[in-house]
Amino acid sequence: VSCGAFHTLVTDLNGHVFGWGSNSRGQLGFLSPGFPSTSVEAPSVVGDLRGLYMSSVACGEYHSLALSSDGRVFSWGCNKYGKLGWAMDMKSRIGSGERYVVRRIAAGKDHSLAISSDGAGFTWGRGDSGQLGHGCYMDVSEPKQVMAISATISERCGIIDVGGGNDFSVFLLQNGTAYICGRDPSQNDDKLYLSPVLLTLPLTLEREFFGQIMAISCGEVNFALLAKSGALLLSHSNFSQPAPDAGSTTTEVQERRVVWVKEAGTIRHMVCGASHMLVAA
């Protein structure tokens, strides 16, 4: 299951993709006359993907991605900033002339992310905050490998998970470390990380070592890191309403908060929403 700002996609046991919600930018994939152009109230199968087994889906604000069982990535919806890649069916072409098998996908608001089977990370789409991790502010219309991470990791320490927010991306490595690029939602300044930087974590929490990270999840302006020790690091941006006498100036409070999760071994899944998160145990 994946939720965008105004639409939802799911895959069933047979590998079919169903979508519902807003279709204003074609993010549901329903372009035939038989479907409404603006909204779909009930889950409906994405017909163009029939005959293919889709293992996962990812939703941005106005675009969608699907990953097939053989490692191909499909994209549809709004292509502003080039976030769909160069074609509706990328046919596992990640990079210029090279072919990779993709094993994980994710979507930010206006950018897309993927991990190949050998642990390399790729991003494309909007890059004006450095969220693509390519060392610049440029948009990228084709999947491009994040070389800054690739240059610092070994063959035994590839990327195993990715997540995207409004204007940032988080990468989880096999050794339990995490990197971020773009605008860190927990920082009090406007600094942008054009290339991925190591996320600093508290060394201890209640006399326990924070430990290696085993899961990540990203929302619009927040992300969460779950450690093997059971510590849950919540990093987010809180927007508070201005006081009556404060004029029209809003106050933004940003912080990182660490929460101890008892019996972390029972947690099966965690997911961040736009400004909240859920944990399933």
C-alpha atoms as a PDB file:
ATOM      1  CA  VAL A   1       0.000   0.000   0.000  1.00  0.00           C
ATOM      2  CA  SER A   2       1.208   3.512  -0.798  1.00  0.00           C
ATOM      3  CA  CYS A   3      -0.552   6.834  -0.299  1.00  0.00           C
ATOM      4  CA  GLY A   4       0.109  10.058  -2.157  1.00  0.00           C
ATOM      5  CA  ALA A   5      -1.329  13.444  -1.311  1.00  0.00           C
ATOM      6  CA  PHE A   6      -4.642  12.676  -3.006  1.00  0.00           C
ATOM      7  CA  HIS A   7      -4.487   9.086  -4.253  1.00  0.00           C
ATOM      8  CA  THR A   8      -3.788   5.542  -3.052  1.00  0.00           C
ATOM      9  CA  LEU A   9      -2.303   2.490  -4.765  1.00  0.00           C
ATOM     10  CA  VAL A  10      -2.260  -1.134  -3.599  1.00  0.00           C
ATOM     11  CA  THR A  11      -1.051  -4.457  -4.972  1.00  0.00           C
ATOM     12  CA  ASP A  12      -2.868  -7.743  -4.402  1.00  0.00           C
ATOM     13  CA  LEU A  13      -1.565 -11.304  -4.115  1.00  0.00           C
ATOM     14  CA  ASN A  14      -1.865 -11.728  -7.884  1.00  0.00           C
ATOM     15  CA  GLY A  15       0.359  -8.742  -8.600  1.00  0.00           C
ATOM     16  CA  HIS A  16      -2.424  -6.483  -9.827  1.00  0.00           C
ATOM     17  CA  VAL A  17      -2.329  -2.760  -9.019  1.00  0.00           C
ATOM     18  CA  PHE A  18      -5.478  -0.994  -7.825  1.00  0.00           C
ATOM     19  CA  GLY A  19      -5.887   2.736  -7.374  1.00  0.00           C
ATOM     20  CA  TRP A  20      -8.423   5.236  -6.142  1.00  0.00           C
ATOM     21  CA  GLY A  21      -8.663   8.903  -5.214  1.00  0.00           C
ATOM     22  CA  SER A  22      -7.733  11.867  -7.387  1.00  0.00           C
ATOM     23  CA  ASN A  23      -6.801  11.248 -11.005  1.00  0.00           C
ATOM     24  CA  SER A  24      -6.352  14.931 -11.879  1.00  0.00           C
ATOM     25  CA  ARG A  25      -2.815  14.418 -13.231  1.00  0.00           C
ATOM     26  CA  GLY A  26      -3.243  10.828 -14.398  1.00  0.00           C
ATOM     27  CA  GLN A  27      -1.623   9.497 -11.212  1.00  0.00           C
ATOM     28  CA  LEU A  28      -4.079   6.590 -11.103  1.00  0.00           C
ATOM     29  CA  GLY A  29      -3.172   5.528 -14.623  1.00  0.00           C
ATOM     30  CA  PHE A  30      -6.754   5.717 -15.887  1.00  0.00           C
ATOM     31  CA  LEU A  31      -6.604   7.540 -19.198  1.00  0.00           C
ATOM     32  CA  SER A  32      -9.329   5.644 -21.047  1.00  0.00           C
ATOM     33  CA  PRO A  33     -12.797   7.184 -21.665  1.00  0.00           C
ATOM     34  CA  GLY A  34     -14.344   4.652 -19.316  1.00  0.00           C
ATOM     35  CA  PHE A  35     -12.843   6.256 -16.234  1.00  0.00           C
ATOM     36  CA  PRO A  36     -13.407   9.730 -14.806  1.00  0.00           C
ATOM     37  CA  SER A  37     -10.552  12.150 -15.332  1.00  0.00           C
ATOM     38  CA  THR A  38     -10.775  13.724 -11.882  1.00  0.00           C
ATOM     39  CA  SER A  39     -11.488  11.100  -9.223  1.00  0.00           C
ATOM     40  CA  VAL A  40     -12.164   7.414  -8.612  1.00  0.00           C
ATOM     41  CA  GLU A  41     -14.158   6.488  -5.514  1.00  0.00           C
ATOM     42  CA  ALA A  42     -13.593   2.715  -5.427  1.00  0.00           C
ATOM     43  CA  PRO A  43     -10.406   0.661  -5.957  1.00  0.00           C
ATOM     44  CA  SER A  44     -10.024   0.033  -9.695  1.00  0.00           C
ATOM     45  CA  VAL A  45      -7.399  -2.037 -11.455  1.00  0.00           C
ATOM     46  CA  VAL A  46      -4.723  -0.247 -13.489  1.00  0.00           C
ATOM     47  CA  GLY A  47      -5.415  -1.956 -16.789  1.00  0.00           C
ATOM     48  CA  ASP A  48      -2.163  -1.108 -18.552  1.00  0.00           C
ATOM     49  CA  LEU A  49      -0.256  -3.215 -16.013  1.00  0.00           C
ATOM     50  CA  ARG A  50      -2.310  -6.376 -16.524  1.00  0.00           C
ATOM     51  CA  GLY A  51      -0.211  -9.370 -17.416  1.00  0.00           C
ATOM     52  CA  LEU A  52       2.628  -8.155 -15.212  1.00  0.00           C
ATOM     53  CA  TYR A  53       3.200  -9.107 -11.580  1.00  0.00           C
ATOM     54  CA  MET A  54       3.787  -5.937  -9.558  1.00  0.00           C
ATOM     55  CA  SER A  55       5.485  -6.471  -6.210  1.00  0.00           C
ATOM     56  CA  SER A  56       5.282  -2.908  -4.852  1.00  0.00           C
ATOM     57  CA  VAL A  57       4.048   0.610  -5.567  1.00  0.00           C
ATOM     58  CA  ALA A  58       5.060   4.123  -4.522  1.00  0.00           C
ATOM     59  CA  CYS A  59       3.093   7.367  -4.660  1.00  0.00           C
ATOM     60  CA  GLY A  60       4.312  10.938  -4.929  1.00  0.00           C
ATOM     61  CA  GLU A  61       2.005  13.928  -4.825  1.00  0.00           C
ATOM     62  CA  TYR A  62       0.936  13.648  -8.466  1.00  0.00           C
ATOM     63  CA  HIS A  63       2.920  10.690  -9.810  1.00  0.00           C
ATOM     64  CA  SER A  64       3.112   6.943  -9.259  1.00  0.00           C
ATOM     65  CA  LEU A  65       5.682   4.164  -9.535  1.00  0.00           C
ATOM     66  CA  ALA A  66       5.317   0.391  -9.680  1.00  0.00           C
ATOM     67  CA  LEU A  67       7.982  -2.317  -9.425  1.00  0.00           C
ATOM     68  CA  SER A  68       7.528  -5.599 -11.275  1.00  0.00           C
ATOM     69  CA  SER A  69       8.699  -8.954  -9.957  1.00  0.00           C
ATOM     70  CA  ASP A  70      11.489  -9.049 -12.549  1.00  0.00           C
ATOM     71  CA  GLY A  71      12.933  -5.713 -11.428  1.00  0.00           C
ATOM     72  CA  ARG A  72      11.398  -3.292 -13.919  1.00  0.00           C
ATOM     73  CA  VAL A  73      10.070   0.126 -12.901  1.00  0.00           C
ATOM     74  CA  PHE A  74       6.929   1.684 -14.371  1.00  0.00           C
ATOM     75  CA  SER A  75       5.856   5.296 -13.878  1.00  0.00           C
ATOM     76  CA  TRP A  76       2.826   7.422 -14.708  1.00  0.00           C
ATOM     77  CA  GLY A  77       1.097  10.671 -13.775  1.00  0.00           C
ATOM     78  CA  CYS A  78       2.519  14.195 -13.820  1.00  0.00           C
ATOM     79  CA  ASN A  79       5.981  14.406 -15.376  1.00  0.00           C
ATOM     80  CA  LYS A  80       6.834  17.920 -14.153  1.00  0.00           C
ATOM     81  CA  TYR A  81      10.507  18.101 -13.095  1.00  0.00           C
ATOM     82  CA  GLY A  82      11.081  14.829 -14.999  1.00  0.00           C
ATOM     83  CA  LYS A  83      10.010  12.696 -12.043  1.00  0.00           C
ATOM     84  CA  LEU A  84       8.643   9.917 -14.260  1.00  0.00           C
ATOM     85  CA  GLY A  85      11.980   9.250 -15.941  1.00  0.00           C
ATOM     86  CA  TRP A  86      12.280   9.363 -19.712  1.00  0.00           C
ATOM     87  CA  ALA A  87       9.438   6.945 -20.528  1.00  0.00           C
ATOM     88  CA  MET A  88       6.263   5.483 -19.119  1.00  0.00           C
ATOM     89  CA  ASP A  89       7.938   2.060 -19.101  1.00  0.00           C
ATOM     90  CA  MET A  90      11.568   2.378 -18.064  1.00  0.00           C
ATOM     91  CA  LYS A  91      12.109  -1.347 -18.733  1.00  0.00           C
ATOM     92  CA  SER A  92      14.810  -1.472 -16.035  1.00  0.00           C
ATOM     93  CA  ARG A  93      16.991   1.042 -17.899  1.00  0.00           C
ATOM     94  CA  ILE A  94      18.581   2.881 -15.006  1.00  0.00           C
ATOM     95  CA  GLY A  95      21.438   5.085 -16.102  1.00  0.00           C
ATOM     96  CA  SER A  96      22.784   5.841 -19.561  1.00  0.00           C
ATOM     97  CA  GLY A  97      22.861   2.656 -21.597  1.00  0.00           C
ATOM     98  CA  GLU A  98      23.147   0.376 -18.558  1.00  0.00           C
ATOM     99  CA  ARG A  99      20.573  -2.107 -17.325  1.00  0.00           C
ATOM    100  CA  TYR A 100      19.919  -2.849 -13.672  1.00  0.00           C
ATOM    101  CA  VAL A 101      17.430  -5.002 -11.828  1.00  0.00           C
ATOM    102  CA  VAL A 102      15.593  -2.799  -9.340  1.00  0.00           C
ATOM    103  CA  ARG A 103      14.532  -4.272  -6.008  1.00  0.00           C
ATOM    104  CA  ARG A 104      13.056  -1.270  -4.179  1.00  0.00           C
ATOM    105  CA  ILE A 105      11.326   1.991  -5.105  1.00  0.00           C
ATOM    106  CA  ALA A 106      10.156   5.106  -3.272  1.00  0.00           C
ATOM    107  CA  ALA A 107       8.709   8.491  -4.139  1.00  0.00           C
ATOM    108  CA  GLY A 108       8.981  11.944  -2.644  1.00  0.00           C
ATOM    109  CA  LYS A 109       6.651  14.806  -3.449  1.00  0.00           C
ATOM    110  CA  ASP A 110       8.257  15.550  -6.817  1.00  0.00           C
ATOM    111  CA  HIS A 111      11.120  13.065  -7.080  1.00  0.00           C
ATOM    112  CA  SER A 112      11.608   9.322  -7.416  1.00  0.00           C
ATOM    113  CA  LEU A 113      14.073   6.856  -5.920  1.00  0.00           C
ATOM    114  CA  ALA A 114      15.158   3.287  -6.627  1.00  0.00           C
ATOM    115  CA  ILE A 115      17.665   0.699  -5.387  1.00  0.00           C
ATOM    116  CA  SER A 116      19.238  -1.815  -7.741  1.00  0.00           C
ATOM    117  CA  SER A 117      19.884  -5.440  -6.833  1.00  0.00           C
ATOM    118  CA  ASP A 118      23.564  -4.661  -6.176  1.00  0.00           C
ATOM    119  CA  GLY A 119      22.740  -1.934  -3.636  1.00  0.00           C
ATOM    120  CA  ALA A 120      23.220   1.158  -5.801  1.00  0.00           C
ATOM    121  CA  GLY A 121      20.870   4.118  -5.331  1.00  0.00           C
ATOM    122  CA  PHE A 122      19.228   6.108  -8.123  1.00  0.00           C
ATOM    123  CA  THR A 123      17.181   9.310  -8.015  1.00  0.00           C
ATOM    124  CA  TRP A 124      15.456  11.537 -10.549  1.00  0.00           C
ATOM    125  CA  GLY A 125      12.940  14.389 -10.682  1.00  0.00           C
ATOM    126  CA  ARG A 126      12.981  17.670  -8.778  1.00  0.00           C
ATOM    127  CA  GLY A 127      16.326  18.670  -7.317  1.00  0.00           C
ATOM    128  CA  ASP A 128      16.072  22.339  -6.302  1.00  0.00           C
ATOM    129  CA  SER A 129      16.759  21.520  -2.634  1.00  0.00           C
ATOM    130  CA  GLY A 130      19.437  18.917  -3.261  1.00  0.00           C
ATOM    131  CA  GLN A 131      17.015  16.076  -2.543  1.00  0.00           C
ATOM    132  CA  LEU A 132      18.428  14.001  -5.413  1.00  0.00           C
ATOM    133  CA  GLY A 133      21.881  13.877  -3.837  1.00  0.00           C
ATOM    134  CA  HIS A 134      23.793  14.637  -7.030  1.00  0.00           C
ATOM    135  CA  GLY A 135      25.684  17.632  -5.649  1.00  0.00           C
ATOM    136  CA  CYS A 136      23.624  20.269  -7.447  1.00  0.00           C
ATOM    137  CA  TYR A 137      20.228  22.000  -7.519  1.00  0.00           C
ATOM    138  CA  MET A 138      19.300  20.693 -10.963  1.00  0.00           C
ATOM    139  CA  ASP A 139      16.278  18.611 -11.900  1.00  0.00           C
ATOM    140  CA  VAL A 140      17.109  15.234 -13.458  1.00  0.00           C
ATOM    141  CA  SER A 141      14.766  13.699 -16.026  1.00  0.00           C
ATOM    142  CA  GLU A 142      16.454  10.289 -16.140  1.00  0.00           C
ATOM    143  CA  PRO A 143      17.340   7.911 -13.293  1.00  0.00           C
ATOM    144  CA  LYS A 144      20.853   8.808 -12.161  1.00  0.00           C
ATOM    145  CA  GLN A 145      23.061   6.953  -9.698  1.00  0.00           C
ATOM    146  CA  VAL A 146      23.855   8.729  -6.426  1.00  0.00           C
ATOM    147  CA  MET A 147      27.610   8.533  -6.735  1.00  0.00           C
ATOM    148  CA  ALA A 148      28.396  10.259  -3.425  1.00  0.00           C
ATOM    149  CA  ILE A 149      27.114   7.220  -1.520  1.00  0.00           C
ATOM    150  CA  SER A 150      28.477   4.693  -3.990  1.00  0.00           C
ATOM    151  CA  ALA A 151      31.953   6.141  -3.518  1.00  0.00           C
ATOM    152  CA  THR A 152      31.861   5.629   0.252  1.00  0.00           C
ATOM    153  CA  ILE A 153      30.411   2.130   0.515  1.00  0.00           C
ATOM    154  CA  SER A 154      31.814  -1.281  -0.283  1.00  0.00           C
ATOM    155  CA  GLU A 155      30.246  -4.160  -2.157  1.00  0.00           C
ATOM    156  CA  ARG A 156      29.164  -5.650   1.168  1.00  0.00           C
ATOM    157  CA  CYS A 157      27.546  -2.442   2.382  1.00  0.00           C
ATOM    158  CA  GLY A 158      25.032  -1.353  -0.208  1.00  0.00           C
ATOM    159  CA  ILE A 159      21.819   0.631   0.134  1.00  0.00           C
ATOM    160  CA  ILE A 160      18.922  -1.486   1.385  1.00  0.00           C
ATOM    161  CA  ASP A 161      16.140   1.096   1.750  1.00  0.00           C
ATOM    162  CA  VAL A 162      15.242   4.614   0.606  1.00  0.00           C
ATOM    163  CA  GLY A 163      12.587   7.173   1.390  1.00  0.00           C
ATOM    164  CA  GLY A 164      11.611  10.601   0.132  1.00  0.00           C
ATOM    165  CA  GLY A 165       9.813  13.605   1.604  1.00  0.00           C
ATOM    166  CA  ASN A 166       8.835  16.980   0.221  1.00  0.00           C
ATOM    167  CA  ASP A 167      12.407  18.121  -0.322  1.00  0.00           C
ATOM    168  CA  PHE A 168      14.698  15.483   1.188  1.00  0.00           C
ATOM    169  CA  SER A 169      15.745  11.859   0.787  1.00  0.00           C
ATOM    170  CA  VAL A 170      16.989   9.271   3.294  1.00  0.00           C
ATOM    171  CA  PHE A 171      19.142   6.242   2.428  1.00  0.00           C
ATOM    172  CA  LEU A 172      19.607   3.228   4.726  1.00  0.00           C
ATOM    173  CA  LEU A 173      22.798   1.211   4.311  1.00  0.00           C
ATOM    174  CA  GLN A 174      23.366  -2.446   5.078  1.00  0.00           C
ATOM    175  CA  ASN A 175      25.693  -1.580   7.964  1.00  0.00           C
ATOM    176  CA  GLY A 176      22.860   0.162   9.824  1.00  0.00           C
ATOM    177  CA  THR A 177      23.807   3.759   9.050  1.00  0.00           C
ATOM    178  CA  ALA A 178      21.573   6.337   7.370  1.00  0.00           C
ATOM    179  CA  TYR A 179      22.323   9.253   5.060  1.00  0.00           C
ATOM    180  CA  ILE A 180      20.212  12.289   4.212  1.00  0.00           C
ATOM    181  CA  CYS A 181      20.292  14.843   1.402  1.00  0.00           C
ATOM    182  CA  GLY A 182      18.204  17.909   0.696  1.00  0.00           C
ATOM    183  CA  ARG A 183      16.588  19.842   3.535  1.00  0.00           C
ATOM    184  CA  ASP A 184      16.882  18.088   6.902  1.00  0.00           C
ATOM    185  CA  PRO A 185      13.457  18.655   8.525  1.00  0.00           C
ATOM    186  CA  SER A 186      14.976  18.590  12.009  1.00  0.00           C
ATOM    187  CA  GLN A 187      17.439  21.433  11.474  1.00  0.00           C
ATOM    188  CA  ASN A 188      16.735  25.014  12.513  1.00  0.00           C
ATOM    189  CA  ASP A 189      18.507  26.588   9.556  1.00  0.00           C
ATOM    190  CA  ASP A 190      17.941  26.628   5.815  1.00  0.00           C
ATOM    191  CA  LYS A 191      21.041  24.605   5.032  1.00  0.00           C
ATOM    192  CA  LEU A 192      20.654  22.255   2.101  1.00  0.00           C
ATOM    193  CA  TYR A 193      22.718  19.090   1.693  1.00  0.00           C
ATOM    194  CA  LEU A 194      23.376  18.692  -2.021  1.00  0.00           C
ATOM    195  CA  SER A 195      25.093  15.339  -1.433  1.00  0.00           C
ATOM    196  CA  PRO A 196      24.102  12.696   1.147  1.00  0.00           C
ATOM    197  CA  VAL A 197      25.584  13.192   4.616  1.00  0.00           C
ATOM    198  CA  LEU A 198      25.672  10.762   7.523  1.00  0.00           C
ATOM    199  CA  LEU A 199      22.789  11.239   9.942  1.00  0.00           C
ATOM    200  CA  THR A 200      24.098  11.900  13.436  1.00  0.00           C
ATOM    201  CA  LEU A 201      22.388   9.848  16.116  1.00  0.00           C
ATOM    202  CA  PRO A 202      22.448   9.962  19.921  1.00  0.00           C
ATOM    203  CA  LEU A 203      25.033   7.564  21.326  1.00  0.00           C
ATOM    204  CA  THR A 204      22.933   6.490  24.283  1.00  0.00           C
ATOM    205  CA  LEU A 205      19.344   6.534  25.381  1.00  0.00           C
ATOM    206  CA  GLU A 206      18.338   5.593  28.912  1.00  0.00           C
ATOM    207  CA  ARG A 207      21.760   3.975  29.349  1.00  0.00           C
ATOM    208  CA  GLU A 208      21.243   1.883  26.250  1.00  0.00           C
ATOM    209  CA  PHE A 209      23.209   2.123  23.007  1.00  0.00           C
ATOM    210  CA  PHE A 210      21.091   3.537  20.195  1.00  0.00           C
ATOM    211  CA  GLY A 211      22.368   0.802  17.913  1.00  0.00           C
ATOM    212  CA  GLN A 212      22.184   0.126  14.216  1.00  0.00           C
ATOM    213  CA  ILE A 213      19.209   1.341  12.220  1.00  0.00           C
ATOM    214  CA  MET A 214      17.037  -1.408  10.803  1.00  0.00           C
ATOM    215  CA  ALA A 215      14.161   0.557   9.229  1.00  0.00           C
ATOM    216  CA  ILE A 216      13.355   4.024   7.903  1.00  0.00           C
ATOM    217  CA  SER A 217      10.188   5.814   6.854  1.00  0.00           C
ATOM    218  CA  CYS A 218       9.630   9.292   5.398  1.00  0.00           C
ATOM    219  CA  GLY A 219       6.643  11.630   5.464  1.00  0.00           C
ATOM    220  CA  GLU A 220       6.255  15.044   3.885  1.00  0.00           C
ATOM    221  CA  VAL A 221       8.237  16.961   6.527  1.00  0.00           C
ATOM    222  CA  ASN A 222       9.263  14.152   8.865  1.00  0.00           C
ATOM    223  CA  PHE A 223      11.124  10.867   8.989  1.00  0.00           C
ATOM    224  CA  ALA A 224      11.587   8.035  11.480  1.00  0.00           C
ATOM    225  CA  LEU A 225      14.498   5.688  12.148  1.00  0.00           C
ATOM    226  CA  LEU A 226      14.016   2.441  14.055  1.00  0.00           C
ATOM    227  CA  ALA A 227      17.108   0.952  15.714  1.00  0.00           C
ATOM    228  CA  LYS A 228      17.729  -2.655  16.672  1.00  0.00           C
ATOM    229  CA  SER A 229      17.976  -1.521  20.290  1.00  0.00           C
ATOM    230  CA  GLY A 230      14.333  -0.466  20.203  1.00  0.00           C
ATOM    231  CA  ALA A 231      14.978   3.271  20.032  1.00  0.00           C
ATOM    232  CA  LEU A 232      12.792   5.197  17.614  1.00  0.00           C
ATOM    233  CA  LEU A 233      14.217   8.482  16.358  1.00  0.00           C
ATOM    234  CA  LEU A 234      11.536  10.892  15.148  1.00  0.00           C
ATOM    235  CA  SER A 235      12.792  13.825  13.115  1.00  0.00           C
ATOM    236  CA  HIS A 236      10.236  16.353  12.031  1.00  0.00           C
ATOM    237  CA  SER A 237       9.190  19.948  11.576  1.00  0.00           C
ATOM    238  CA  ASN A 238       6.377  21.327  13.721  1.00  0.00           C
ATOM    239  CA  PHE A 239       4.451  24.294  12.385  1.00  0.00           C
ATOM    240  CA  SER A 240       2.677  26.307  15.073  1.00  0.00           C
ATOM    241  CA  GLN A 241       0.047  28.980  14.565  1.00  0.00           C
ATOM    242  CA  PRO A 242       1.135  32.578  15.241  1.00  0.00           C
ATOM    243  CA  ALA A 243       0.046  34.316  18.432  1.00  0.00           C
ATOM    244  CA  PRO A 244      -2.810  36.832  18.009  1.00  0.00           C
ATOM    245  CA  ASP A 245      -0.412  39.765  18.376  1.00  0.00           C
ATOM    246  CA  ALA A 246       2.345  38.249  16.266  1.00  0.00           C
ATOM    247  CA  GLY A 247       1.074  39.591  12.970  1.00  0.00           C
ATOM    248  CA  SER A 248       1.237  37.302   9.973  1.00  0.00           C
ATOM    249  CA  THR A 249       4.579  35.719  10.845  1.00  0.00           C
ATOM    250  CA  THR A 250       4.435  31.985  11.460  1.00  0.00           C
ATOM    251  CA  THR A 251       6.732  30.147  13.825  1.00  0.00           C
ATOM    252  CA  GLU A 252       8.450  26.948  12.790  1.00  0.00           C
ATOM    253  CA  VAL A 253       9.724  24.663  15.527  1.00  0.00           C
ATOM    254  CA  GLN A 254      12.025  21.886  14.405  1.00  0.00           C
ATOM    255  CA  GLU A 255      13.467  19.092  16.468  1.00  0.00           C
ATOM    256  CA  ARG A 256      14.581  15.499  16.732  1.00  0.00           C
ATOM    257  CA  ARG A 257      12.904  13.450  19.383  1.00  0.00           C
ATOM    258  CA  VAL A 258      13.931  10.005  20.566  1.00  0.00           C
ATOM    259  CA  VAL A 259      11.286   7.603  21.828  1.00  0.00           C
ATOM    260  CA  TRP A 260      11.994   4.276  23.502  1.00  0.00           C
ATOM    261  CA  VAL A 261       9.884   1.497  22.026  1.00  0.00           C
ATOM    262  CA  LYS A 262       9.410  -1.478  24.310  1.00  0.00           C
ATOM    263  CA  GLU A 263       9.706  -4.907  22.735  1.00  0.00           C
ATOM    264  CA  ALA A 264      10.946  -3.498  19.431  1.00  0.00           C
ATOM    265  CA  GLY A 265      11.342  -7.033  18.153  1.00  0.00           C
ATOM    266  CA  THR A 266       7.563  -7.267  17.852  1.00  0.00           C
ATOM    267  CA  ILE A 267       7.316  -4.266  15.515  1.00  0.00           C
ATOM    268  CA  ARG A 268       6.446  -5.492  12.043  1.00  0.00           C
ATOM    269  CA  HIS A 269       6.079  -2.224  10.174  1.00  0.00           C
ATOM    270  CA  MET A 270       6.205   1.544  10.614  1.00  0.00           C
ATOM    271  CA  VAL A 271       5.098   4.277   8.261  1.00  0.00           C
ATOM    272  CA  CYS A 272       5.109   8.076   8.301  1.00  0.00           C
ATOM    273  CA  GLY A 273       2.171  10.108   7.060  1.00  0.00           C
ATOM    274  CA  ALA A 274       2.201  13.770   6.113  1.00  0.00           C
ATOM    275  CA  SER A 275       2.697  14.870   9.726  1.00  0.00           C
ATOM    276  CA  HIS A 276       2.243  11.717  11.813  1.00  0.00           C
ATOM    277  CA  MET A 277       3.380   8.108  11.994  1.00  0.00           C
ATOM    278  CA  LEU A 278       2.013   4.656  12.800  1.00  0.00           C
ATOM    279  CA  VAL A 279       3.758   1.552  14.142  1.00  0.00           C
ATOM    280  CA  ALA A 280       2.332  -1.965  13.773  1.00  0.00           C
ATOM    281  CA  ALA A 281       3.379  -4.588  16.312  1.00  0.00           C
END
